[in-house]
Amino acid sequence: MSILELLIISMIIVISFSLFILSILSYRRSKSIKMLLISIVFFVFFIKVIIYNISLYFTDINIFESITNMWIFDLVVLLLLYIASMKR
């Protein structure tokens, strides 16, 4: 794995976790279901990146052995974003 790949993965981890924390703080202030759903989306994305990062280093834990498993996480993120955007 190159330095650039490590840098990008690290940035994604930090940004997704930061967005999760900010959305949780926003939810606590507004009590909006939409913000709660968006928080869940950021958390699911954060977990996906963490699992992917761990699977790069430990081949025994390769949960993303098939690309389909990664797509399932992406599908969950997209569906939750859609639901959050349609929520009033």
Protein backbone atom coordinates (compact mmCIF):
# COMPACT_ATOMS: atom_id res chain seq x y z
CA MET A 1 0.00 0.00 0.00
CA SER A 2 1.41 3.36 -0.98
CA ILE A 3 1.74 6.45 1.18
CA LEU A 4 -0.91 8.20 -0.92
CA GLU A 5 -3.42 5.41 -0.28
CA LEU A 6 -2.73 5.54 3.46
CA LEU A 7 -3.14 9.31 3.45
CA ILE A 8 -6.46 9.12 1.59
CA ILE A 9 -7.84 6.38 3.84
CA SER A 10 -6.74 8.32 6.93
CA MET A 11 -8.41 11.47 5.65
CA ILE A 12 -11.64 9.59 4.94
CA ILE A 13 -11.62 8.13 8.46
CA VAL A 14 -11.07 11.53 10.09
CA ILE A 15 -13.62 13.33 7.91
CA SER A 16 -16.34 10.68 8.27
CA PHE A 17 -15.89 10.54 12.05
CA SER A 18 -15.89 14.34 12.28
CA LEU A 19 -19.08 14.55 10.24
CA PHE A 20 -20.64 11.90 12.46
CA ILE A 21 -19.78 13.88 15.61
CA LEU A 22 -21.02 17.15 14.10
CA SER A 23 -24.29 15.57 12.99
CA ILE A 24 -24.83 14.03 16.44
CA LEU A 25 -24.29 17.44 18.03
CA SER A 26 -26.73 18.95 15.55
CA TYR A 27 -29.27 16.23 16.31
CA ARG A 28 -28.97 16.85 20.04
CA ARG A 29 -29.72 20.52 19.46
CA SER A 30 -32.55 20.16 16.93
CA LYS A 31 -34.03 16.73 17.85
CA SER A 32 -34.72 16.27 14.13
CA ILE A 33 -35.21 12.71 12.89
CA LYS A 34 -33.55 13.80 9.64
CA MET A 35 -30.35 14.67 11.51
CA LEU A 36 -30.47 11.36 13.35
CA LEU A 37 -30.67 9.49 10.04
CA ILE A 38 -27.80 11.52 8.63
CA SER A 39 -25.78 10.70 11.74
CA ILE A 40 -26.45 7.02 11.19
CA VAL A 41 -25.31 7.36 7.57
CA PHE A 42 -22.00 8.93 8.60
CA PHE A 43 -21.53 6.26 11.26
CA VAL A 44 -22.17 3.40 8.80
CA PHE A 45 -19.73 4.96 6.35
CA PHE A 46 -17.15 5.37 9.12
CA ILE A 47 -17.53 1.72 10.14
CA LYS A 48 -17.18 0.62 6.52
CA VAL A 49 -13.90 2.49 6.12
CA ILE A 50 -12.57 1.13 9.43
CA ILE A 51 -13.44 -2.45 8.45
CA TYR A 52 -11.91 -1.97 5.03
CA ASN A 53 -8.74 -0.54 6.57
CA ILE A 54 -8.43 -3.42 9.02
CA SER A 55 -8.98 -5.96 6.25
CA LEU A 56 -6.06 -4.48 4.32
CA TYR A 57 -3.67 -5.31 7.15
CA PHE A 58 -5.16 -8.56 8.44
CA THR A 59 -6.01 -10.94 5.64
CA ASP A 60 -7.80 -13.29 8.05
CA ILE A 61 -10.50 -10.64 8.66
CA ASN A 62 -11.13 -9.87 5.01
CA ILE A 63 -14.86 -9.04 5.22
CA PHE A 64 -14.70 -7.32 1.84
CA GLU A 65 -13.44 -10.49 0.19
CA SER A 66 -15.94 -9.95 -2.51
CA ILE A 67 -16.72 -6.51 -3.81
CA THR A 68 -20.40 -7.28 -3.27
CA ASN A 69 -20.01 -6.95 0.50
CA MET A 70 -18.59 -3.47 0.06
CA TRP A 71 -21.44 -2.56 -2.27
CA ILE A 72 -23.95 -3.65 0.37
CA PHE A 73 -22.49 -1.09 2.79
CA ASP A 74 -22.65 1.56 0.06
CA LEU A 75 -26.25 0.63 -0.69
CA VAL A 76 -27.18 1.03 2.99
CA VAL A 77 -25.52 4.46 3.04
CA LEU A 78 -27.36 5.56 -0.11
CA LEU A 79 -30.73 4.29 1.13
CA LEU A 80 -30.32 6.03 4.47
CA LEU A 81 -29.37 9.27 2.74
CA TYR A 82 -32.44 8.98 0.52
CA ILE A 83 -34.71 8.35 3.50
CA ALA A 84 -33.16 11.28 5.38
CA SER A 85 -33.63 13.60 2.43
CA MET A 86 -37.28 12.61 1.99
CA LYS A 87 -38.09 12.95 5.71
CA ARG A 88 -39.98 16.12 6.62
